[in-house]
Amino acid sequence: MGAMVVDRDSWPENGRVGRIGAGEYAGAYLLLAAEIQSSWAFYISDDPRVTDSEHLRTDDFWVADDDLPGVLAQMSVSWVPVDQDDEIEREVFDIRSEWVRRRRRSSGLRSLFRRLHPGADG
C-alpha cells in the first residue's frame, strides 16, 4: 500500500480501494470514487471476510473537492496495490459490478435513441 495523488482528472472511473489507518474507521476499507458536481463518494466497510455481520462497520458519504485532501489525511488512507484492487473491491464492497450494469444500460439506451433519431444529439 502506498501514497498516491488523488486527482479528479486521473482518478480511475471505478475508483480506488484503500485501507483507513486512523480515526473512527481505522482498519476498514475505503472505496473512493469521483462523483459529479465537485464531490467524491466515500464507501467504507470493514472486511466481511474477517468481521461478522453483527459488528461490521459500514458508511457512505460525499466530500467536496476542496475538503478531500484533509479528510484523506485525517483518515491516513493507504491505497491497496493496483493488482489487488479489483479483488478486494469485489470481496468487500461489490459496488462496481452494479456500476458496470448501469453504464451498459445507459449506453444501450443512448445507442437505441441514436438509431431511432438519426442526427439527434444523444
PDB file of N, CA and C in Angstrom:
ATOM      1  N   MET A   1       0.842  -1.170   0.000  1.00  0.00           N
ATOM      2  CA  MET A   1       0.000   0.000   0.000  1.00  0.00           C
ATOM      3  C   MET A   1       0.887   1.232   0.000  1.00  0.00           C
ATOM      4  N   GLY A   2       0.387   2.299  -0.594  1.00  0.00           N
ATOM      5  CA  GLY A   2       1.238   3.467  -0.632  1.00  0.00           C
ATOM      6  C   GLY A   2       0.477   4.733  -0.924  1.00  0.00           C
ATOM      7  N   ALA A   3       1.214   5.845  -0.867  1.00  0.00           N
ATOM      8  CA  ALA A   3       0.628   7.155  -1.137  1.00  0.00           C
ATOM      9  C   ALA A   3       0.468   7.327  -2.639  1.00  0.00           C
ATOM     10  N   MET A   4      -0.551   8.047  -3.031  1.00  0.00           N
ATOM     11  CA  MET A   4      -0.758   8.371  -4.439  1.00  0.00           C
ATOM     12  C   MET A   4      -1.500   9.684  -4.529  1.00  0.00           C
ATOM     13  N   VAL A   5      -1.357  10.321  -5.663  1.00  0.00           N
ATOM     14  CA  VAL A   5      -2.041  11.586  -5.890  1.00  0.00           C
ATOM     15  C   VAL A   5      -3.507  11.299  -6.193  1.00  0.00           C
ATOM     16  N   VAL A   6      -4.374  11.964  -5.472  1.00  0.00           N
ATOM     17  CA  VAL A   6      -5.815  11.839  -5.700  1.00  0.00           C
ATOM     18  C   VAL A   6      -6.238  13.064  -6.484  1.00  0.00           C
ATOM     19  N   ASP A   7      -6.463  12.852  -7.767  1.00  0.00           N
ATOM     20  CA  ASP A   7      -6.734  13.936  -8.700  1.00  0.00           C
ATOM     21  C   ASP A   7      -7.912  13.534  -9.570  1.00  0.00           C
ATOM     22  N   ARG A   8      -8.908  14.372  -9.645  1.00  0.00           N
ATOM     23  CA  ARG A   8     -10.127  14.068 -10.398  1.00  0.00           C
ATOM     24  C   ARG A   8      -9.832  13.684 -11.855  1.00  0.00           C
ATOM     25  N   ASP A   9      -8.892  14.387 -12.499  1.00  0.00           N
ATOM     26  CA  ASP A   9      -8.610  14.139 -13.913  1.00  0.00           C
ATOM     27  C   ASP A   9      -7.973  12.778 -14.176  1.00  0.00           C
ATOM     28  N   SER A  10      -7.200  12.272 -13.226  1.00  0.00           N
ATOM     29  CA  SER A  10      -6.517  10.996 -13.456  1.00  0.00           C
ATOM     30  C   SER A  10      -7.082   9.846 -12.623  1.00  0.00           C
ATOM     31  N   TRP A  11      -8.089  10.115 -11.812  1.00  0.00           N
ATOM     32  CA  TRP A  11      -8.643   9.092 -10.940  1.00  0.00           C
ATOM     33  C   TRP A  11      -9.407   8.062 -11.762  1.00  0.00           C
ATOM     34  N   PRO A  12      -9.236   6.765 -11.476  1.00  0.00           N
ATOM     35  CA  PRO A  12      -9.946   5.731 -12.244  1.00  0.00           C
ATOM     36  C   PRO A  12     -11.466   5.890 -12.160  1.00  0.00           C
ATOM     37  N   GLU A  13     -12.132   5.653 -13.267  1.00  0.00           N
ATOM     38  CA  GLU A  13     -13.590   5.791 -13.340  1.00  0.00           C
ATOM     39  C   GLU A  13     -14.293   4.963 -12.264  1.00  0.00           C
ATOM     40  N   ASN A  14     -13.751   3.797 -11.945  1.00  0.00           N
ATOM     41  CA  ASN A  14     -14.360   2.923 -10.946  1.00  0.00           C
ATOM     42  C   ASN A  14     -13.761   3.105  -9.560  1.00  0.00           C
ATOM     43  N   GLY A  15     -13.042   4.195  -9.349  1.00  0.00           N
ATOM     44  CA  GLY A  15     -12.488   4.492  -8.041  1.00  0.00           C
ATOM     45  C   GLY A  15     -11.290   3.631  -7.687  1.00  0.00           C
ATOM     46  N   ARG A  16     -10.835   3.790  -6.457  1.00  0.00           N
ATOM     47  CA  ARG A  16      -9.708   3.019  -5.914  1.00  0.00           C
ATOM     48  C   ARG A  16     -10.056   2.590  -4.506  1.00  0.00           C
ATOM     49  N   VAL A  17      -9.462   1.478  -4.109  1.00  0.00           N
ATOM     50  CA  VAL A  17      -9.653   0.949  -2.769  1.00  0.00           C
ATOM     51  C   VAL A  17      -8.424   1.260  -1.926  1.00  0.00           C
ATOM     52  N   GLY A  18      -8.668   1.698  -0.702  1.00  0.00           N
ATOM     53  CA  GLY A  18      -7.598   1.957   0.243  1.00  0.00           C
ATOM     54  C   GLY A  18      -7.966   1.425   1.610  1.00  0.00           C
ATOM     55  N   ARG A  19      -6.994   1.428   2.493  1.00  0.00           N
ATOM     56  CA  ARG A  19      -7.210   0.994   3.876  1.00  0.00           C
ATOM     57  C   ARG A  19      -7.097   2.218   4.759  1.00  0.00           C
ATOM     58  N   ILE A  20      -8.058   2.397   5.647  1.00  0.00           N
ATOM     59  CA  ILE A  20      -8.089   3.540   6.546  1.00  0.00           C
ATOM     60  C   ILE A  20      -7.217   3.227   7.763  1.00  0.00           C
ATOM     61  N   GLY A  21      -6.271   4.130   8.053  1.00  0.00           N
ATOM     62  CA  GLY A  21      -5.319   3.880   9.123  1.00  0.00           C
ATOM     63  C   GLY A  21      -5.572   4.644  10.412  1.00  0.00           C
ATOM     64  N   ALA A  22      -6.492   5.626  10.395  1.00  0.00           N
ATOM     65  CA  ALA A  22      -6.704   6.437  11.595  1.00  0.00           C
ATOM     66  C   ALA A  22      -8.148   6.905  11.665  1.00  0.00           C
ATOM     67  N   GLY A  23      -8.558   7.273  12.857  1.00  0.00           N
ATOM     68  CA  GLY A  23      -9.893   7.829  13.044  1.00  0.00           C
ATOM     69  C   GLY A  23     -10.947   6.776  13.333  1.00  0.00           C
ATOM     70  N   GLU A  24     -12.179   7.214  13.215  1.00  0.00           N
ATOM     71  CA  GLU A  24     -13.343   6.386  13.548  1.00  0.00           C
ATOM     72  C   GLU A  24     -13.377   5.057  12.792  1.00  0.00           C
ATOM     73  N   TYR A  25     -12.896   5.055  11.568  1.00  0.00           N
ATOM     74  CA  TYR A  25     -12.978   3.847  10.726  1.00  0.00           C
ATOM     75  C   TYR A  25     -11.625   3.165  10.532  1.00  0.00           C
ATOM     76  N   ALA A  26     -10.679   3.391  11.429  1.00  0.00           N
ATOM     77  CA  ALA A  26      -9.355   2.766  11.312  1.00  0.00           C
ATOM     78  C   ALA A  26      -9.516   1.248  11.144  1.00  0.00           C
ATOM     79  N   GLY A  27      -8.801   0.712  10.160  1.00  0.00           N
ATOM     80  CA  GLY A  27      -8.840  -0.716   9.876  1.00  0.00           C
ATOM     81  C   GLY A  27      -9.838  -1.103   8.801  1.00  0.00           C
ATOM     82  N   ALA A  28     -10.784  -0.223   8.495  1.00  0.00           N
ATOM     83  CA  ALA A  28     -11.786  -0.505   7.466  1.00  0.00           C
ATOM     84  C   ALA A  28     -11.225  -0.168   6.079  1.00  0.00           C
ATOM     85  N   TYR A  29     -11.911  -0.635   5.060  1.00  0.00           N
ATOM     86  CA  TYR A  29     -11.565  -0.320   3.679  1.00  0.00           C
ATOM     87  C   TYR A  29     -12.385   0.878   3.200  1.00  0.00           C
ATOM     88  N   LEU A  30     -11.813   1.607   2.267  1.00  0.00           N
ATOM     89  CA  LEU A  30     -12.457   2.744   1.625  1.00  0.00           C
ATOM     90  C   LEU A  30     -12.449   2.519   0.129  1.00  0.00           C
ATOM     91  N   LEU A  31     -13.599   2.684  -0.505  1.00  0.00           N
ATOM     92  CA  LEU A  31     -13.675   2.779  -1.958  1.00  0.00           C
ATOM     93  C   LEU A  31     -13.980   4.238  -2.243  1.00  0.00           C
ATOM     94  N   LEU A  32     -13.039   4.926  -2.888  1.00  0.00           N
ATOM     95  CA  LEU A  32     -13.178   6.350  -3.185  1.00  0.00           C
ATOM     96  C   LEU A  32     -13.431   6.527  -4.674  1.00  0.00           C
ATOM     97  N   ALA A  33     -14.536   7.196  -4.998  1.00  0.00           N
ATOM     98  CA  ALA A  33     -14.896   7.415  -6.398  1.00  0.00           C
ATOM     99  C   ALA A  33     -15.208   8.889  -6.629  1.00  0.00           C
ATOM    100  N   ALA A  34     -14.731   9.421  -7.744  1.00  0.00           N
ATOM    101  CA  ALA A  34     -15.054  10.798  -8.122  1.00  0.00           C
ATOM    102  C   ALA A  34     -16.508  10.841  -8.575  1.00  0.00           C
ATOM    103  N   GLU A  35     -17.231  11.792  -8.054  1.00  0.00           N
ATOM    104  CA  GLU A  35     -18.635  11.958  -8.401  1.00  0.00           C
ATOM    105  C   GLU A  35     -18.805  13.251  -9.189  1.00  0.00           C
ATOM    106  N   ILE A  36     -20.004  13.510  -9.618  1.00  0.00           N
ATOM    107  CA  ILE A  36     -20.288  14.754 -10.331  1.00  0.00           C
ATOM    108  C   ILE A  36     -20.428  15.902  -9.337  1.00  0.00           C
ATOM    109  N   GLN A  37     -20.483  17.091  -9.835  1.00  0.00           N
ATOM    110  CA  GLN A  37     -20.690  18.303  -9.054  1.00  0.00           C
ATOM    111  C   GLN A  37     -19.628  18.496  -7.967  1.00  0.00           C
ATOM    112  N   SER A  38     -18.373  18.258  -8.339  1.00  0.00           N
ATOM    113  CA  SER A  38     -17.237  18.556  -7.463  1.00  0.00           C
ATOM    114  C   SER A  38     -17.292  17.846  -6.116  1.00  0.00           C
ATOM    115  N   SER A  39     -17.706  16.586  -6.139  1.00  0.00           N
ATOM    116  CA  SER A  39     -17.708  15.825  -4.899  1.00  0.00           C
ATOM    117  C   SER A  39     -17.120  14.432  -5.137  1.00  0.00           C
ATOM    118  N   TRP A  40     -16.782  13.794  -4.044  1.00  0.00           N
ATOM    119  CA  TRP A  40     -16.209  12.456  -4.045  1.00  0.00           C
ATOM    120  C   TRP A  40     -17.064  11.562  -3.162  1.00  0.00           C
ATOM    121  N   ALA A  41     -17.303  10.335  -3.605  1.00  0.00           N
ATOM    122  CA  ALA A  41     -18.072   9.373  -2.818  1.00  0.00           C
ATOM    123  C   ALA A  41     -17.112   8.508  -2.012  1.00  0.00           C
ATOM    124  N   PHE A  42     -17.359   8.420  -0.724  1.00  0.00           N
ATOM    125  CA  PHE A  42     -16.618   7.564   0.190  1.00  0.00           C
ATOM    126  C   PHE A  42     -17.518   6.388   0.555  1.00  0.00           C
ATOM    127  N   TYR A  43     -17.110   5.188   0.204  1.00  0.00           N
ATOM    128  CA  TYR A  43     -17.812   3.971   0.618  1.00  0.00           C
ATOM    129  C   TYR A  43     -16.875   3.262   1.580  1.00  0.00           C
ATOM    130  N   ILE A  44     -17.341   3.006   2.797  1.00  0.00           N
ATOM    131  CA  ILE A  44     -16.495   2.451   3.846  1.00  0.00           C
ATOM    132  C   ILE A  44     -17.094   1.144   4.334  1.00  0.00           C
ATOM    133  N   SER A  45     -16.225   0.149   4.547  1.00  0.00           N
ATOM    134  CA  SER A  45     -16.679  -1.120   5.103  1.00  0.00           C
ATOM    135  C   SER A  45     -15.522  -1.856   5.762  1.00  0.00           C
ATOM    136  N   ASP A  46     -15.839  -2.496   6.890  1.00  0.00           N
ATOM    137  CA  ASP A  46     -14.906  -3.473   7.429  1.00  0.00           C
ATOM    138  C   ASP A  46     -14.864  -4.634   6.457  1.00  0.00           C
ATOM    139  N   ASP A  47     -13.871  -5.468   6.591  1.00  0.00           N
ATOM    140  CA  ASP A  47     -13.724  -6.637   5.725  1.00  0.00           C
ATOM    141  C   ASP A  47     -14.705  -7.727   6.177  1.00  0.00           C
ATOM    142  N   PRO A  48     -15.736  -8.022   5.368  1.00  0.00           N
ATOM    143  CA  PRO A  48     -16.724  -9.029   5.778  1.00  0.00           C
ATOM    144  C   PRO A  48     -16.137 -10.445   5.836  1.00  0.00           C
ATOM    145  N   ARG A  49     -14.936 -10.616   5.296  1.00  0.00           N
ATOM    146  CA  ARG A  49     -14.294 -11.928   5.352  1.00  0.00           C
ATOM    147  C   ARG A  49     -13.730 -12.201   6.741  1.00  0.00           C
ATOM    148  N   VAL A  50     -13.514 -11.140   7.534  1.00  0.00           N
ATOM    149  CA  VAL A  50     -12.922 -11.319   8.866  1.00  0.00           C
ATOM    150  C   VAL A  50     -13.756 -10.710   9.996  1.00  0.00           C
ATOM    151  N   THR A  51     -14.804  -9.969   9.678  1.00  0.00           N
ATOM    152  CA  THR A  51     -15.663  -9.345  10.673  1.00  0.00           C
ATOM    153  C   THR A  51     -17.067  -9.904  10.518  1.00  0.00           C
ATOM    154  N   ASP A  52     -17.653 -10.398  11.608  1.00  0.00           N
ATOM    155  CA  ASP A  52     -19.015 -10.936  11.486  1.00  0.00           C
ATOM    156  C   ASP A  52     -19.996  -9.798  11.209  1.00  0.00           C
ATOM    157  N   SER A  53     -21.081 -10.134  10.542  1.00  0.00           N
ATOM    158  CA  SER A  53     -22.026  -9.121  10.066  1.00  0.00           C
ATOM    159  C   SER A  53     -22.623  -8.296  11.198  1.00  0.00           C
ATOM    160  N   GLU A  54     -22.683  -8.842  12.406  1.00  0.00           N
ATOM    161  CA  GLU A  54     -23.237  -8.114  13.546  1.00  0.00           C
ATOM    162  C   GLU A  54     -22.348  -6.938  13.953  1.00  0.00           C
ATOM    163  N   HIS A  55     -21.049  -7.035  13.699  1.00  0.00           N
ATOM    164  CA  HIS A  55     -20.110  -5.989  14.108  1.00  0.00           C
ATOM    165  C   HIS A  55     -19.508  -5.223  12.926  1.00  0.00           C
ATOM    166  N   LEU A  56     -19.989  -5.468  11.737  1.00  0.00           N
ATOM    167  CA  LEU A  56     -19.459  -4.852  10.520  1.00  0.00           C
ATOM    168  C   LEU A  56     -19.790  -3.353  10.493  1.00  0.00           C
ATOM    169  N   ARG A  57     -18.762  -2.515  10.395  1.00  0.00           N
ATOM    170  CA  ARG A  57     -18.971  -1.074  10.261  1.00  0.00           C
ATOM    171  C   ARG A  57     -19.057  -0.744   8.776  1.00  0.00           C
ATOM    172  N   THR A  58     -20.098  -0.022   8.396  1.00  0.00           N
ATOM    173  CA  THR A  58     -20.232   0.448   7.015  1.00  0.00           C
ATOM    174  C   THR A  58     -20.737   1.885   7.057  1.00  0.00           C
ATOM    175  N   ASP A  59     -20.397   2.624   6.013  1.00  0.00           N
ATOM    176  CA  ASP A  59     -20.869   4.000   5.909  1.00  0.00           C
ATOM    177  C   ASP A  59     -20.641   4.458   4.478  1.00  0.00           C
ATOM    178  N   ASP A  60     -21.336   5.483   4.084  1.00  0.00           N
ATOM    179  CA  ASP A  60     -21.039   6.163   2.826  1.00  0.00           C
ATOM    180  C   ASP A  60     -21.431   7.624   2.983  1.00  0.00           C
ATOM    181  N   PHE A  61     -20.646   8.476   2.348  1.00  0.00           N
ATOM    182  CA  PHE A  61     -20.889   9.906   2.404  1.00  0.00           C
ATOM    183  C   PHE A  61     -20.129  10.570   1.271  1.00  0.00           C
ATOM    184  N   TRP A  62     -20.421  11.852   1.061  1.00  0.00           N
ATOM    185  CA  TRP A  62     -19.788  12.606  -0.010  1.00  0.00           C
ATOM    186  C   TRP A  62     -18.982  13.752   0.580  1.00  0.00           C
ATOM    187  N   VAL A  63     -17.863  14.052  -0.088  1.00  0.00           N
ATOM    188  CA  VAL A  63     -16.951  15.104   0.355  1.00  0.00           C
ATOM    189  C   VAL A  63     -16.659  16.013  -0.839  1.00  0.00           C
ATOM    190  N   ALA A  64     -16.674  17.313  -0.604  1.00  0.00           N
ATOM    191  CA  ALA A  64     -16.379  18.293  -1.657  1.00  0.00           C
ATOM    192  C   ALA A  64     -14.903  18.229  -2.047  1.00  0.00           C
ATOM    193  N   ASP A  65     -14.618  18.584  -3.297  1.00  0.00           N
ATOM    194  CA  ASP A  65     -13.235  18.593  -3.801  1.00  0.00           C
ATOM    195  C   ASP A  65     -12.285  19.310  -2.842  1.00  0.00           C
ATOM    196  N   ASP A  66     -12.678  20.489  -2.369  1.00  0.00           N
ATOM    197  CA  ASP A  66     -11.796  21.291  -1.516  1.00  0.00           C
ATOM    198  C   ASP A  66     -11.475  20.612  -0.188  1.00  0.00           C
ATOM    199  N   ASP A  67     -12.381  19.779   0.304  1.00  0.00           N
ATOM    200  CA  ASP A  67     -12.194  19.121   1.598  1.00  0.00           C
ATOM    201  C   ASP A  67     -11.510  17.762   1.495  1.00  0.00           C
ATOM    202  N   LEU A  68     -11.393  17.239   0.283  1.00  0.00           N
ATOM    203  CA  LEU A  68     -10.875  15.878   0.090  1.00  0.00           C
ATOM    204  C   LEU A  68      -9.486  15.648   0.683  1.00  0.00           C
ATOM    205  N   PRO A  69      -8.484  16.492   0.388  1.00  0.00           N
ATOM    206  CA  PRO A  69      -7.146  16.217   0.936  1.00  0.00           C
ATOM    207  C   PRO A  69      -7.131  16.117   2.460  1.00  0.00           C
ATOM    208  N   GLY A  70      -7.863  16.996   3.127  1.00  0.00           N
ATOM    209  CA  GLY A  70      -7.897  16.990   4.581  1.00  0.00           C
ATOM    210  C   GLY A  70      -8.557  15.734   5.147  1.00  0.00           C
ATOM    211  N   VAL A  71      -9.658  15.304   4.528  1.00  0.00           N
ATOM    212  CA  VAL A  71     -10.362  14.108   5.007  1.00  0.00           C
ATOM    213  C   VAL A  71      -9.488  12.873   4.812  1.00  0.00           C
ATOM    214  N   LEU A  72      -8.850  12.756   3.639  1.00  0.00           N
ATOM    215  CA  LEU A  72      -7.974  11.609   3.401  1.00  0.00           C
ATOM    216  C   LEU A  72      -6.785  11.614   4.366  1.00  0.00           C
ATOM    217  N   ALA A  73      -6.241  12.798   4.651  1.00  0.00           N
ATOM    218  CA  ALA A  73      -5.119  12.884   5.591  1.00  0.00           C
ATOM    219  C   ALA A  73      -5.557  12.483   6.998  1.00  0.00           C
ATOM    220  N   GLN A  74      -6.728  12.939   7.420  1.00  0.00           N
ATOM    221  CA  GLN A  74      -7.241  12.574   8.751  1.00  0.00           C
ATOM    222  C   GLN A  74      -7.459  11.070   8.867  1.00  0.00           C
ATOM    223  N   MET A  75      -7.881  10.452   7.762  1.00  0.00           N
ATOM    224  CA  MET A  75      -8.120   9.005   7.761  1.00  0.00           C
ATOM    225  C   MET A  75      -6.832   8.211   7.583  1.00  0.00           C
ATOM    226  N   SER A  76      -5.767   8.891   7.172  1.00  0.00           N
ATOM    227  CA  SER A  76      -4.489   8.228   6.913  1.00  0.00           C
ATOM    228  C   SER A  76      -4.670   7.021   5.985  1.00  0.00           C
ATOM    229  N   VAL A  77      -5.223   7.305   4.797  1.00  0.00           N
ATOM    230  CA  VAL A  77      -5.540   6.256   3.831  1.00  0.00           C
ATOM    231  C   VAL A  77      -4.283   5.786   3.103  1.00  0.00           C
ATOM    232  N   SER A  78      -4.125   4.475   3.019  1.00  0.00           N
ATOM    233  CA  SER A  78      -3.076   3.841   2.218  1.00  0.00           C
ATOM    234  C   SER A  78      -3.772   3.052   1.121  1.00  0.00           C
ATOM    235  N   TRP A  79      -3.415   3.302  -0.127  1.00  0.00           N
ATOM    236  CA  TRP A  79      -4.075   2.660  -1.253  1.00  0.00           C
ATOM    237  C   TRP A  79      -3.533   1.252  -1.444  1.00  0.00           C
ATOM    238  N   VAL A  80      -4.434   0.316  -1.713  1.00  0.00           N
ATOM    239  CA  VAL A  80      -4.003  -1.061  -1.932  1.00  0.00           C
ATOM    240  C   VAL A  80      -3.293  -1.146  -3.280  1.00  0.00           C
ATOM    241  N   PRO A  81      -2.408  -2.127  -3.450  1.00  0.00           N
ATOM    242  CA  PRO A  81      -1.744  -2.284  -4.746  1.00  0.00           C
ATOM    243  C   PRO A  81      -2.777  -2.489  -5.862  1.00  0.00           C
ATOM    244  N   VAL A  82      -2.491  -1.919  -7.019  1.00  0.00           N
ATOM    245  CA  VAL A  82      -3.413  -1.987  -8.156  1.00  0.00           C
ATOM    246  C   VAL A  82      -3.802  -3.429  -8.474  1.00  0.00           C
ATOM    247  N   ASP A  83      -2.859  -4.369  -8.364  1.00  0.00           N
ATOM    248  CA  ASP A  83      -3.163  -5.758  -8.714  1.00  0.00           C
ATOM    249  C   ASP A  83      -4.081  -6.449  -7.702  1.00  0.00           C
ATOM    250  N   GLN A  84      -4.344  -5.815  -6.556  1.00  0.00           N
ATOM    251  CA  GLN A  84      -5.256  -6.379  -5.557  1.00  0.00           C
ATOM    252  C   GLN A  84      -6.569  -5.598  -5.472  1.00  0.00           C
ATOM    253  N   ASP A  85      -6.618  -4.446  -6.137  1.00  0.00           N
ATOM    254  CA  ASP A  85      -7.751  -3.528  -6.030  1.00  0.00           C
ATOM    255  C   ASP A  85      -9.071  -4.198  -6.417  1.00  0.00           C
ATOM    256  N   ASP A  86      -9.151  -4.819  -7.588  1.00  0.00           N
ATOM    257  CA  ASP A  86     -10.409  -5.416  -8.050  1.00  0.00           C
ATOM    258  C   ASP A  86     -10.896  -6.527  -7.122  1.00  0.00           C
ATOM    259  N   GLU A  87      -9.994  -7.379  -6.705  1.00  0.00           N
ATOM    260  CA  GLU A  87     -10.390  -8.490  -5.836  1.00  0.00           C
ATOM    261  C   GLU A  87     -10.912  -7.985  -4.488  1.00  0.00           C
ATOM    262  N   ILE A  88     -10.209  -7.050  -3.886  1.00  0.00           N
ATOM    263  CA  ILE A  88     -10.650  -6.525  -2.591  1.00  0.00           C
ATOM    264  C   ILE A  88     -11.983  -5.798  -2.740  1.00  0.00           C
ATOM    265  N   GLU A  89     -12.135  -5.005  -3.803  1.00  0.00           N
ATOM    266  CA  GLU A  89     -13.409  -4.310  -4.009  1.00  0.00           C
ATOM    267  C   GLU A  89     -14.548  -5.309  -4.122  1.00  0.00           C
ATOM    268  N   ARG A  90     -14.359  -6.350  -4.894  1.00  0.00           N
ATOM    269  CA  ARG A  90     -15.405  -7.357  -5.104  1.00  0.00           C
ATOM    270  C   ARG A  90     -15.758  -8.070  -3.789  1.00  0.00           C
ATOM    271  N   GLU A  91     -14.756  -8.408  -3.004  1.00  0.00           N
ATOM    272  CA  GLU A  91     -14.985  -9.165  -1.773  1.00  0.00           C
ATOM    273  C   GLU A  91     -15.530  -8.296  -0.629  1.00  0.00           C
ATOM    274  N   VAL A  92     -15.167  -7.014  -0.616  1.00  0.00           N
ATOM    275  CA  VAL A  92     -15.579  -6.151   0.486  1.00  0.00           C
ATOM    276  C   VAL A  92     -16.828  -5.339   0.143  1.00  0.00           C
ATOM    277  N   PHE A  93     -16.865  -4.763  -1.065  1.00  0.00           N
ATOM    278  CA  PHE A  93     -17.963  -3.866  -1.436  1.00  0.00           C
ATOM    279  C   PHE A  93     -18.902  -4.448  -2.494  1.00  0.00           C
ATOM    280  N   ASP A  94     -18.343  -4.914  -3.583  1.00  0.00           N
ATOM    281  CA  ASP A  94     -19.078  -5.386  -4.760  1.00  0.00           C
ATOM    282  C   ASP A  94     -20.057  -4.329  -5.280  1.00  0.00           C
ATOM    283  N   ILE A  95     -19.576  -3.098  -5.356  1.00  0.00           N
ATOM    284  CA  ILE A  95     -20.367  -1.986  -5.888  1.00  0.00           C
ATOM    285  C   ILE A  95     -20.104  -1.816  -7.390  1.00  0.00           C
ATOM    286  N   ARG A  96     -18.875  -2.047  -7.802  1.00  0.00           N
ATOM    287  CA  ARG A  96     -18.506  -1.805  -9.203  1.00  0.00           C
ATOM    288  C   ARG A  96     -19.334  -2.628 -10.175  1.00  0.00           C
ATOM    289  N   SER A  97     -19.698  -3.838  -9.806  1.00  0.00           N
ATOM    290  CA  SER A  97     -20.481  -4.670 -10.727  1.00  0.00           C
ATOM    291  C   SER A  97     -21.816  -3.991 -11.056  1.00  0.00           C
ATOM    292  N   GLU A  98     -22.412  -3.330 -10.073  1.00  0.00           N
ATOM    293  CA  GLU A  98     -23.653  -2.590 -10.320  1.00  0.00           C
ATOM    294  C   GLU A  98     -23.381  -1.370 -11.195  1.00  0.00           C
ATOM    295  N   TRP A  99     -22.274  -0.675 -10.958  1.00  0.00           N
ATOM    296  CA  TRP A  99     -21.929   0.473 -11.796  1.00  0.00           C
ATOM    297  C   TRP A  99     -21.791   0.051 -13.249  1.00  0.00           C
ATOM    298  N   VAL A 100     -21.136  -1.082 -13.495  1.00  0.00           N
ATOM    299  CA  VAL A 100     -20.942  -1.575 -14.861  1.00  0.00           C
ATOM    300  C   VAL A 100     -22.298  -1.880 -15.503  1.00  0.00           C
ATOM    301  N   ARG A 101     -23.194  -2.542 -14.763  1.00  0.00           N
ATOM    302  CA  ARG A 101     -24.533  -2.837 -15.304  1.00  0.00           C
ATOM    303  C   ARG A 101     -25.265  -1.551 -15.660  1.00  0.00           C
ATOM    304  N   ARG A 102     -25.192  -0.557 -14.788  1.00  0.00           N
ATOM    305  CA  ARG A 102     -25.879   0.714 -15.058  1.00  0.00           C
ATOM    306  C   ARG A 102     -25.308   1.411 -16.280  1.00  0.00           C
ATOM    307  N   ARG A 103     -23.988   1.392 -16.423  1.00  0.00           N
ATOM    308  CA  ARG A 103     -23.369   2.035 -17.595  1.00  0.00           C
ATOM    309  C   ARG A 103     -23.784   1.329 -18.878  1.00  0.00           C
ATOM    310  N   ARG A 104     -23.848   0.002 -18.837  1.00  0.00           N
ATOM    311  CA  ARG A 104     -24.272  -0.744 -20.027  1.00  0.00           C
ATOM    312  C   ARG A 104     -25.693  -0.375 -20.411  1.00  0.00           C
ATOM    313  N   ARG A 105     -26.595  -0.332 -19.422  1.00  0.00           N
ATOM    314  CA  ARG A 105     -27.987   0.036 -19.702  1.00  0.00           C
ATOM    315  C   ARG A 105     -28.050   1.437 -20.274  1.00  0.00           C
ATOM    316  N   SER A 106     -27.335   2.372 -19.664  1.00  0.00           N
ATOM    317  CA  SER A 106     -27.339   3.755 -20.122  1.00  0.00           C
ATOM    318  C   SER A 106     -26.785   3.849 -21.539  1.00  0.00           C
ATOM    319  N   SER A 107     -25.689   3.146 -21.800  1.00  0.00           N
ATOM    320  CA  SER A 107     -25.083   3.152 -23.126  1.00  0.00           C
ATOM    321  C   SER A 107     -26.029   2.542 -24.156  1.00  0.00           C
ATOM    322  N   GLY A 108     -26.694   1.480 -23.779  1.00  0.00           N
ATOM    323  CA  GLY A 108     -27.653   0.825 -24.670  1.00  0.00           C
ATOM    324  C   GLY A 108     -28.812   1.731 -25.013  1.00  0.00           C
ATOM    325  N   LEU A 109     -29.298   2.478 -24.045  1.00  0.00           N
ATOM    326  CA  LEU A 109     -30.396   3.412 -24.290  1.00  0.00           C
ATOM    327  C   LEU A 109     -29.961   4.542 -25.217  1.00  0.00           C
ATOM    328  N   ARG A 110     -28.736   5.047 -25.029  1.00  0.00           N
ATOM    329  CA  ARG A 110     -28.237   6.101 -25.927  1.00  0.00           C
ATOM    330  C   ARG A 110     -28.112   5.576 -27.353  1.00  0.00           C
ATOM    331  N   SER A 111     -27.613   4.342 -27.502  1.00  0.00           N
ATOM    332  CA  SER A 111     -27.474   3.747 -28.835  1.00  0.00           C
ATOM    333  C   SER A 111     -28.835   3.583 -29.496  1.00  0.00           C
ATOM    334  N   LEU A 112     -29.810   3.115 -28.734  1.00  0.00           N
ATOM    335  CA  LEU A 112     -31.158   2.944 -29.264  1.00  0.00           C
ATOM    336  C   LEU A 112     -31.725   4.297 -29.682  1.00  0.00           C
ATOM    337  N   PHE A 113     -31.549   5.322 -28.872  1.00  0.00           N
ATOM    338  CA  PHE A 113     -32.044   6.656 -29.191  1.00  0.00           C
ATOM    339  C   PHE A 113     -31.419   7.147 -30.497  1.00  0.00           C
ATOM    340  N   ARG A 114     -30.090   6.955 -30.654  1.00  0.00           N
ATOM    341  CA  ARG A 114     -29.410   7.403 -31.873  1.00  0.00           C
ATOM    342  C   ARG A 114     -29.938   6.671 -33.110  1.00  0.00           C
ATOM    343  N   ARG A 115     -30.232   5.385 -32.973  1.00  0.00           N
ATOM    344  CA  ARG A 115     -30.771   4.629 -34.115  1.00  0.00           C
ATOM    345  C   ARG A 115     -32.180   5.102 -34.468  1.00  0.00           C
ATOM    346  N   LEU A 116     -32.967   5.412 -33.441  1.00  0.00           N
ATOM    347  CA  LEU A 116     -34.348   5.851 -33.683  1.00  0.00           C
ATOM    348  C   LEU A 116     -34.423   7.308 -34.147  1.00  0.00           C
ATOM    349  N   HIS A 117     -33.420   8.104 -33.765  1.00  0.00           N
ATOM    350  CA  HIS A 117     -33.429   9.532 -34.092  1.00  0.00           C
ATOM    351  C   HIS A 117     -32.077   9.925 -34.712  1.00  0.00           C
ATOM    352  N   PRO A 118     -31.814   9.475 -35.926  1.00  0.00           N
ATOM    353  CA  PRO A 118     -30.521   9.813 -36.558  1.00  0.00           C
ATOM    354  C   PRO A 118     -30.342  11.336 -36.618  1.00  0.00           C
ATOM    355  N   GLY A 119     -29.136  11.758 -36.332  1.00  0.00           N
ATOM    356  CA  GLY A 119     -28.805  13.176 -36.406  1.00  0.00           C
ATOM    357  C   GLY A 119     -29.097  13.951 -35.125  1.00  0.00           C
ATOM    358  N   ALA A 120     -29.805  13.311 -34.194  1.00  0.00           N
ATOM    359  CA  ALA A 120     -30.095  13.990 -32.918  1.00  0.00           C
ATOM    360  C   ALA A 120     -28.899  13.795 -31.986  1.00  0.00           C
ATOM    361  N   ASP A 121     -28.660  14.786 -31.157  1.00  0.00           N
ATOM    362  CA  ASP A 121     -27.599  14.652 -30.149  1.00  0.00           C
ATOM    363  C   ASP A 121     -28.124  13.746 -29.047  1.00  0.00           C
ATOM    364  N   GLY A 122     -27.393  12.651 -28.729  1.00  0.00           N
ATOM    365  CA  GLY A 122     -27.859  11.716 -27.706  1.00  0.00           C
ATOM    366  C   GLY A 122     -27.101  11.877 -26.524  1.00  0.00           C
TER     367      GLY A 122
END
